[in-house]
Amino acid sequence: MSSSNKEIYSASRILDFYTKRLENFGGSSQGVGWKNDEAQLIRFEQLLKLIQDKSSFSINDLGCGSGRLYKYMLSTGYSPMFYCGYDILEEMLLSAEKTLLPDPKVKLIKIESSADMEVSDYTVASGVFNVKCEAQEKEWMEHILSTINVMHERSKYGFAFNLLTKYSDTEYMQSYLYYADPLFFFDFCKRNFSKNVALLHDYFQYDFTIIVRKTRI
């Protein structure tokens, strides 16, 4: 199988994974790949530490799934001027539409890749790098680095993302998931994007969050 065919096959398997989760669990936290609500919400909490002023901002939600981040923001005191959710699965966006629309502050867009995103004040991505299926480590790393470069380009004031950690207990690690080195990503973001980078690895989950803040004028 050629490298391009392998990439197409891997992408197809990943889409199948999320399609089946949505079919089995609907627009819940489990439907987008998390173990339960707590697992999803604690990650939202970490990602949103990116935003220091809770009002008057726009935000891109890359891999928005059923749009639960927007509901979480409203329930925890955030008041975005504009929320744009992006996903590659049409079914996920249809699920998000049921709970988020009509709302003049919300826009939901189907994309083929992160490069289709528009510019916003902030961009966040939760769980989008976890499931690699048969993708090789090298190609998945290239995909992640390409995506966070786009997040940087499409974010005026900062961006945040999470990854499963390589410090997970070995007996619980799964071959279809990707486990990353938190120190590598901290260093990469520090060297390439901003002096203001935070690594959060203290919230009792088997992952970490990277926050990149740019100077806000």
C-alpha atoms as a PDB file:
ATOM      1  CA  MET A   1       0.000   0.000   0.000  1.00  0.00           C
ATOM      2  CA  SER A   2       1.446   3.419  -0.961  1.00  0.00           C
ATOM      3  CA  SER A   3       1.922   6.121   1.683  1.00  0.00           C
ATOM      4  CA  SER A   4      -0.964   8.177   0.252  1.00  0.00           C
ATOM      5  CA  ASN A   5      -3.278   5.169   0.297  1.00  0.00           C
ATOM      6  CA  LYS A   6      -2.258   4.429   3.882  1.00  0.00           C
ATOM      7  CA  GLU A   7      -3.152   7.997   4.886  1.00  0.00           C
ATOM      8  CA  ILE A   8      -6.559   7.720   3.210  1.00  0.00           C
ATOM      9  CA  TYR A   9      -7.153   4.352   4.893  1.00  0.00           C
ATOM     10  CA  SER A  10      -6.165   5.735   8.315  1.00  0.00           C
ATOM     11  CA  ALA A  11      -8.413   8.780   7.887  1.00  0.00           C
ATOM     12  CA  SER A  12     -11.298   6.539   6.874  1.00  0.00           C
ATOM     13  CA  ARG A  13     -10.827   4.363   9.958  1.00  0.00           C
ATOM     14  CA  ILE A  14     -10.796   7.429  12.205  1.00  0.00           C
ATOM     15  CA  LEU A  15     -14.011   8.722  10.645  1.00  0.00           C
ATOM     16  CA  ASP A  16     -15.573   5.285  11.116  1.00  0.00           C
ATOM     17  CA  PHE A  17     -14.546   5.314  14.785  1.00  0.00           C
ATOM     18  CA  TYR A  18     -16.347   8.593  15.497  1.00  0.00           C
ATOM     19  CA  THR A  19     -19.335   7.728  13.322  1.00  0.00           C
ATOM     20  CA  LYS A  20     -19.908   4.551  15.326  1.00  0.00           C
ATOM     21  CA  ARG A  21     -19.477   6.388  18.631  1.00  0.00           C
ATOM     22  CA  LEU A  22     -22.091   8.923  17.574  1.00  0.00           C
ATOM     23  CA  GLU A  23     -24.473   6.184  16.434  1.00  0.00           C
ATOM     24  CA  ASN A  24     -24.096   4.321  19.735  1.00  0.00           C
ATOM     25  CA  PHE A  25     -24.085   7.221  22.200  1.00  0.00           C
ATOM     26  CA  GLY A  26     -25.577  10.216  20.383  1.00  0.00           C
ATOM     27  CA  GLY A  27     -24.228  13.718  21.049  1.00  0.00           C
ATOM     28  CA  SER A  28     -23.040  12.868  24.571  1.00  0.00           C
ATOM     29  CA  SER A  29     -19.470  12.939  25.861  1.00  0.00           C
ATOM     30  CA  GLN A  30     -19.198   9.236  25.017  1.00  0.00           C
ATOM     31  CA  GLY A  31     -20.502   9.957  21.537  1.00  0.00           C
ATOM     32  CA  VAL A  32     -17.410  12.051  20.800  1.00  0.00           C
ATOM     33  CA  GLY A  33     -14.968   9.569  22.313  1.00  0.00           C
ATOM     34  CA  TRP A  34     -14.715  10.455  26.009  1.00  0.00           C
ATOM     35  CA  LYS A  35     -15.262   8.033  28.873  1.00  0.00           C
ATOM     36  CA  ASN A  36     -17.915  10.172  30.572  1.00  0.00           C
ATOM     37  CA  ASP A  37     -19.030  13.771  31.148  1.00  0.00           C
ATOM     38  CA  GLU A  38     -16.427  14.412  33.818  1.00  0.00           C
ATOM     39  CA  ALA A  39     -13.602  13.373  31.496  1.00  0.00           C
ATOM     40  CA  GLN A  40     -14.800  15.781  28.814  1.00  0.00           C
ATOM     41  CA  LEU A  41     -15.632  18.717  31.071  1.00  0.00           C
ATOM     42  CA  ILE A  42     -12.341  18.709  32.964  1.00  0.00           C
ATOM     43  CA  ARG A  43     -10.563  19.069  29.637  1.00  0.00           C
ATOM     44  CA  PHE A  44     -12.801  21.983  28.670  1.00  0.00           C
ATOM     45  CA  GLU A  45     -11.837  23.609  31.971  1.00  0.00           C
ATOM     46  CA  GLN A  46      -8.124  23.319  31.162  1.00  0.00           C
ATOM     47  CA  LEU A  47      -8.419  24.555  27.578  1.00  0.00           C
ATOM     48  CA  LEU A  48     -10.414  27.611  28.564  1.00  0.00           C
ATOM     49  CA  LYS A  49      -7.670  28.772  30.917  1.00  0.00           C
ATOM     50  CA  LEU A  50      -6.356  30.225  27.662  1.00  0.00           C
ATOM     51  CA  ILE A  51      -8.984  32.979  27.877  1.00  0.00           C
ATOM     52  CA  GLN A  52      -8.356  35.514  30.634  1.00  0.00           C
ATOM     53  CA  ASP A  53     -11.218  37.901  29.815  1.00  0.00           C
ATOM     54  CA  LYS A  54     -14.396  35.830  29.747  1.00  0.00           C
ATOM     55  CA  SER A  55     -16.381  38.273  27.604  1.00  0.00           C
ATOM     56  CA  SER A  56     -16.142  39.839  24.167  1.00  0.00           C
ATOM     57  CA  PHE A  57     -14.060  37.285  22.287  1.00  0.00           C
ATOM     58  CA  SER A  58     -14.435  34.999  19.298  1.00  0.00           C
ATOM     59  CA  ILE A  59     -13.372  31.360  19.363  1.00  0.00           C
ATOM     60  CA  ASN A  60     -12.768  28.507  16.938  1.00  0.00           C
ATOM     61  CA  ASP A  61     -13.583  25.020  18.227  1.00  0.00           C
ATOM     62  CA  LEU A  62     -11.651  22.621  15.992  1.00  0.00           C
ATOM     63  CA  GLY A  63     -13.243  19.177  16.060  1.00  0.00           C
ATOM     64  CA  CYS A  64     -16.299  20.574  17.820  1.00  0.00           C
ATOM     65  CA  GLY A  65     -18.244  17.306  17.752  1.00  0.00           C
ATOM     66  CA  SER A  66     -21.727  17.911  19.161  1.00  0.00           C
ATOM     67  CA  GLY A  67     -20.806  21.423  20.307  1.00  0.00           C
ATOM     68  CA  ARG A  68     -20.734  20.805  24.046  1.00  0.00           C
ATOM     69  CA  LEU A  69     -17.874  23.269  24.581  1.00  0.00           C
ATOM     70  CA  TYR A  70     -20.184  26.175  23.734  1.00  0.00           C
ATOM     71  CA  LYS A  71     -22.778  25.031  26.254  1.00  0.00           C
ATOM     72  CA  TYR A  72     -20.034  24.583  28.846  1.00  0.00           C
ATOM     73  CA  MET A  73     -18.767  28.127  28.253  1.00  0.00           C
ATOM     74  CA  LEU A  74     -22.206  29.623  28.766  1.00  0.00           C
ATOM     75  CA  SER A  75     -22.726  27.620  31.960  1.00  0.00           C
ATOM     76  CA  THR A  76     -19.398  28.719  33.475  1.00  0.00           C
ATOM     77  CA  GLY A  77     -19.525  32.468  32.913  1.00  0.00           C
ATOM     78  CA  TYR A  78     -17.954  32.835  29.474  1.00  0.00           C
ATOM     79  CA  SER A  79     -19.715  35.164  27.074  1.00  0.00           C
ATOM     80  CA  PRO A  80     -18.222  34.819  23.587  1.00  0.00           C
ATOM     81  CA  MET A  81     -19.224  37.264  20.885  1.00  0.00           C
ATOM     82  CA  PHE A  82     -18.881  34.486  18.341  1.00  0.00           C
ATOM     83  CA  TYR A  83     -18.367  30.726  18.424  1.00  0.00           C
ATOM     84  CA  CYS A  84     -17.413  28.791  15.303  1.00  0.00           C
ATOM     85  CA  GLY A  85     -17.442  25.005  15.500  1.00  0.00           C
ATOM     86  CA  TYR A  86     -15.636  22.944  12.858  1.00  0.00           C
ATOM     87  CA  ASP A  87     -15.817  19.224  12.213  1.00  0.00           C
ATOM     88  CA  ILE A  88     -15.093  16.825   9.364  1.00  0.00           C
ATOM     89  CA  LEU A  89     -18.141  14.708  10.169  1.00  0.00           C
ATOM     90  CA  GLU A  90     -21.452  16.018   8.866  1.00  0.00           C
ATOM     91  CA  GLU A  91     -23.279  13.840  11.400  1.00  0.00           C
ATOM     92  CA  MET A  92     -21.476  15.555  14.278  1.00  0.00           C
ATOM     93  CA  LEU A  93     -22.495  18.980  13.013  1.00  0.00           C
ATOM     94  CA  LEU A  94     -26.098  17.864  12.636  1.00  0.00           C
ATOM     95  CA  SER A  95     -25.998  16.758  16.261  1.00  0.00           C
ATOM     96  CA  ALA A  96     -24.551  20.148  17.272  1.00  0.00           C
ATOM     97  CA  GLU A  97     -27.248  21.985  15.312  1.00  0.00           C
ATOM     98  CA  LYS A  98     -29.972  20.342  17.392  1.00  0.00           C
ATOM     99  CA  THR A  99     -28.716  21.927  20.611  1.00  0.00           C
ATOM    100  CA  LEU A 100     -26.915  25.098  19.482  1.00  0.00           C
ATOM    101  CA  LEU A 101     -29.079  26.548  16.735  1.00  0.00           C
ATOM    102  CA  PRO A 102     -30.674  28.946  16.199  1.00  0.00           C
ATOM    103  CA  ASP A 103     -28.179  31.211  17.969  1.00  0.00           C
ATOM    104  CA  PRO A 104     -26.812  34.288  16.163  1.00  0.00           C
ATOM    105  CA  LYS A 105     -23.465  33.857  17.929  1.00  0.00           C
ATOM    106  CA  VAL A 106     -22.955  30.318  16.624  1.00  0.00           C
ATOM    107  CA  LYS A 107     -21.664  29.109  13.273  1.00  0.00           C
ATOM    108  CA  LEU A 108     -21.062  25.435  12.421  1.00  0.00           C
ATOM    109  CA  ILE A 109     -18.872  24.526   9.438  1.00  0.00           C
ATOM    110  CA  LYS A 110     -17.933  21.226   7.838  1.00  0.00           C
ATOM    111  CA  ILE A 111     -14.261  21.196   6.878  1.00  0.00           C
ATOM    112  CA  GLU A 112     -11.889  18.905   5.045  1.00  0.00           C
ATOM    113  CA  SER A 113      -8.869  20.005   7.085  1.00  0.00           C
ATOM    114  CA  SER A 114      -7.864  22.550   9.714  1.00  0.00           C
ATOM    115  CA  ALA A 115      -6.707  24.844   6.904  1.00  0.00           C
ATOM    116  CA  ASP A 116     -10.385  25.588   6.200  1.00  0.00           C
ATOM    117  CA  MET A 117     -10.754  27.477   9.487  1.00  0.00           C
ATOM    118  CA  GLU A 118     -11.339  31.209   9.601  1.00  0.00           C
ATOM    119  CA  VAL A 119      -9.356  33.641  11.765  1.00  0.00           C
ATOM    120  CA  SER A 120     -10.626  34.085  15.317  1.00  0.00           C
ATOM    121  CA  ASP A 121      -9.370  35.527  18.602  1.00  0.00           C
ATOM    122  CA  TYR A 122      -8.744  32.042  19.996  1.00  0.00           C
ATOM    123  CA  THR A 123      -8.716  28.445  18.785  1.00  0.00           C
ATOM    124  CA  VAL A 124      -9.064  25.312  20.899  1.00  0.00           C
ATOM    125  CA  ALA A 125      -8.955  21.617  20.017  1.00  0.00           C
ATOM    126  CA  SER A 126      -9.980  18.915  22.475  1.00  0.00           C
ATOM    127  CA  GLY A 127      -9.293  15.252  21.802  1.00  0.00           C
ATOM    128  CA  VAL A 128      -8.687  15.648  18.083  1.00  0.00           C
ATOM    129  CA  PHE A 129      -5.219  14.102  18.223  1.00  0.00           C
ATOM    130  CA  ASN A 130      -6.059  11.084  20.382  1.00  0.00           C
ATOM    131  CA  VAL A 131      -7.347   8.522  17.869  1.00  0.00           C
ATOM    132  CA  LYS A 132      -4.812   7.610  15.192  1.00  0.00           C
ATOM    133  CA  CYS A 133      -6.028   4.076  14.368  1.00  0.00           C
ATOM    134  CA  GLU A 134      -3.464   2.553  11.944  1.00  0.00           C
ATOM    135  CA  ALA A 135      -1.599   5.793  11.226  1.00  0.00           C
ATOM    136  CA  GLN A 136       2.147   5.525  11.743  1.00  0.00           C
ATOM    137  CA  GLU A 137       3.741   7.538  14.557  1.00  0.00           C
ATOM    138  CA  LYS A 138       5.709   9.718  12.133  1.00  0.00           C
ATOM    139  CA  GLU A 139       2.767  10.600   9.911  1.00  0.00           C
ATOM    140  CA  TRP A 140       0.555  11.308  12.930  1.00  0.00           C
ATOM    141  CA  MET A 141       3.186  13.619  14.392  1.00  0.00           C
ATOM    142  CA  GLU A 142       3.383  15.453  11.058  1.00  0.00           C
ATOM    143  CA  HIS A 143      -0.395  15.799  11.102  1.00  0.00           C
ATOM    144  CA  ILE A 144      -0.374  17.232  14.639  1.00  0.00           C
ATOM    145  CA  LEU A 145       2.404  19.733  13.926  1.00  0.00           C
ATOM    146  CA  SER A 146       0.704  20.844  10.721  1.00  0.00           C
ATOM    147  CA  THR A 147      -2.582  21.326  12.578  1.00  0.00           C
ATOM    148  CA  ILE A 148      -1.159  23.352  15.450  1.00  0.00           C
ATOM    149  CA  ASN A 149       0.683  25.533  12.940  1.00  0.00           C
ATOM    150  CA  VAL A 150      -2.684  26.300  11.356  1.00  0.00           C
ATOM    151  CA  MET A 151      -4.193  26.938  14.798  1.00  0.00           C
ATOM    152  CA  HIS A 152      -1.427  29.472  15.383  1.00  0.00           C
ATOM    153  CA  GLU A 153      -2.048  31.169  12.042  1.00  0.00           C
ATOM    154  CA  ARG A 154      -5.821  31.357  12.590  1.00  0.00           C
ATOM    155  CA  SER A 155      -5.635  32.690  16.172  1.00  0.00           C
ATOM    156  CA  LYS A 156      -5.076  36.360  16.982  1.00  0.00           C
ATOM    157  CA  TYR A 157      -4.434  36.017  20.702  1.00  0.00           C
ATOM    158  CA  GLY A 158      -3.746  32.355  21.390  1.00  0.00           C
ATOM    159  CA  PHE A 159      -4.679  28.718  21.095  1.00  0.00           C
ATOM    160  CA  ALA A 160      -4.833  25.567  23.198  1.00  0.00           C
ATOM    161  CA  PHE A 161      -4.942  21.822  22.582  1.00  0.00           C
ATOM    162  CA  ASN A 162      -4.616  18.569  24.480  1.00  0.00           C
ATOM    163  CA  LEU A 163      -2.920  15.231  23.867  1.00  0.00           C
ATOM    164  CA  LEU A 164      -2.748  11.901  25.628  1.00  0.00           C
ATOM    165  CA  THR A 165       0.483  11.660  27.600  1.00  0.00           C
ATOM    166  CA  LYS A 166       3.305   9.184  27.130  1.00  0.00           C
ATOM    167  CA  TYR A 167       3.399   9.008  30.941  1.00  0.00           C
ATOM    168  CA  SER A 168       0.180   6.965  30.924  1.00  0.00           C
ATOM    169  CA  ASP A 169       0.252   3.625  32.730  1.00  0.00           C
ATOM    170  CA  THR A 170       1.590   1.101  30.231  1.00  0.00           C
ATOM    171  CA  GLU A 171      -1.013  -1.553  31.006  1.00  0.00           C
ATOM    172  CA  TYR A 172      -3.828   0.816  29.999  1.00  0.00           C
ATOM    173  CA  MET A 173      -2.329   2.151  26.766  1.00  0.00           C
ATOM    174  CA  GLN A 174      -4.121   1.243  23.515  1.00  0.00           C
ATOM    175  CA  SER A 175      -2.475   0.784  20.107  1.00  0.00           C
ATOM    176  CA  TYR A 176      -5.114   2.813  18.261  1.00  0.00           C
ATOM    177  CA  LEU A 177      -4.421   5.874  20.436  1.00  0.00           C
ATOM    178  CA  TYR A 178      -1.537   8.348  20.204  1.00  0.00           C
ATOM    179  CA  TYR A 179       0.530   9.155  23.304  1.00  0.00           C
ATOM    180  CA  ALA A 180       2.683  12.259  23.103  1.00  0.00           C
ATOM    181  CA  ASP A 181       5.699  13.687  24.884  1.00  0.00           C
ATOM    182  CA  PRO A 182       4.479  16.798  26.746  1.00  0.00           C
ATOM    183  CA  LEU A 183       7.980  18.252  26.968  1.00  0.00           C
ATOM    184  CA  PHE A 184       8.417  18.067  23.192  1.00  0.00           C
ATOM    185  CA  PHE A 185       5.210  20.004  22.552  1.00  0.00           C
ATOM    186  CA  PHE A 186       5.992  22.600  25.200  1.00  0.00           C
ATOM    187  CA  ASP A 187       9.401  23.166  23.633  1.00  0.00           C
ATOM    188  CA  PHE A 188       8.025  23.203  20.083  1.00  0.00           C
ATOM    189  CA  CYS A 189       5.400  25.821  20.911  1.00  0.00           C
ATOM    190  CA  LYS A 190       7.848  27.898  22.935  1.00  0.00           C
ATOM    191  CA  ARG A 191      10.383  27.958  20.104  1.00  0.00           C
ATOM    192  CA  ASN A 192       7.923  28.493  17.258  1.00  0.00           C
ATOM    193  CA  PHE A 193       4.895  30.419  18.483  1.00  0.00           C
ATOM    194  CA  SER A 194       5.257  32.475  21.654  1.00  0.00           C
ATOM    195  CA  LYS A 195       7.248  33.138  24.810  1.00  0.00           C
ATOM    196  CA  ASN A 196       4.019  32.660  26.754  1.00  0.00           C
ATOM    197  CA  VAL A 197       3.377  28.909  26.808  1.00  0.00           C
ATOM    198  CA  ALA A 198       1.892  26.814  29.609  1.00  0.00           C
ATOM    199  CA  LEU A 199       1.978  23.041  30.051  1.00  0.00           C
ATOM    200  CA  LEU A 200      -0.832  21.709  32.259  1.00  0.00           C
ATOM    201  CA  HIS A 201      -0.315  18.143  33.428  1.00  0.00           C
ATOM    202  CA  ASP A 202      -1.803  18.212  36.912  1.00  0.00           C
ATOM    203  CA  TYR A 203      -5.521  17.511  36.552  1.00  0.00           C
ATOM    204  CA  PHE A 204      -5.558  13.770  37.237  1.00  0.00           C
ATOM    205  CA  GLN A 205      -6.134  12.614  33.672  1.00  0.00           C
ATOM    206  CA  TYR A 206      -3.873  10.693  31.314  1.00  0.00           C
ATOM    207  CA  ASP A 207      -3.310  13.681  29.102  1.00  0.00           C
ATOM    208  CA  PHE A 208      -1.908  17.205  29.116  1.00  0.00           C
ATOM    209  CA  THR A 209      -2.925  20.608  27.810  1.00  0.00           C
ATOM    210  CA  ILE A 210      -0.752  23.146  26.031  1.00  0.00           C
ATOM    211  CA  ILE A 211      -1.769  26.809  26.179  1.00  0.00           C
ATOM    212  CA  VAL A 212      -0.124  29.336  23.851  1.00  0.00           C
ATOM    213  CA  ARG A 213      -0.819  33.002  24.527  1.00  0.00           C
ATOM    214  CA  LYS A 214       0.188  35.787  22.184  1.00  0.00           C
ATOM    215  CA  THR A 215       0.493  39.432  23.174  1.00  0.00           C
ATOM    216  CA  ARG A 216      -2.964  40.977  23.305  1.00  0.00           C
ATOM    217  CA  ILE A 217      -3.028  44.682  22.430  1.00  0.00           C
END
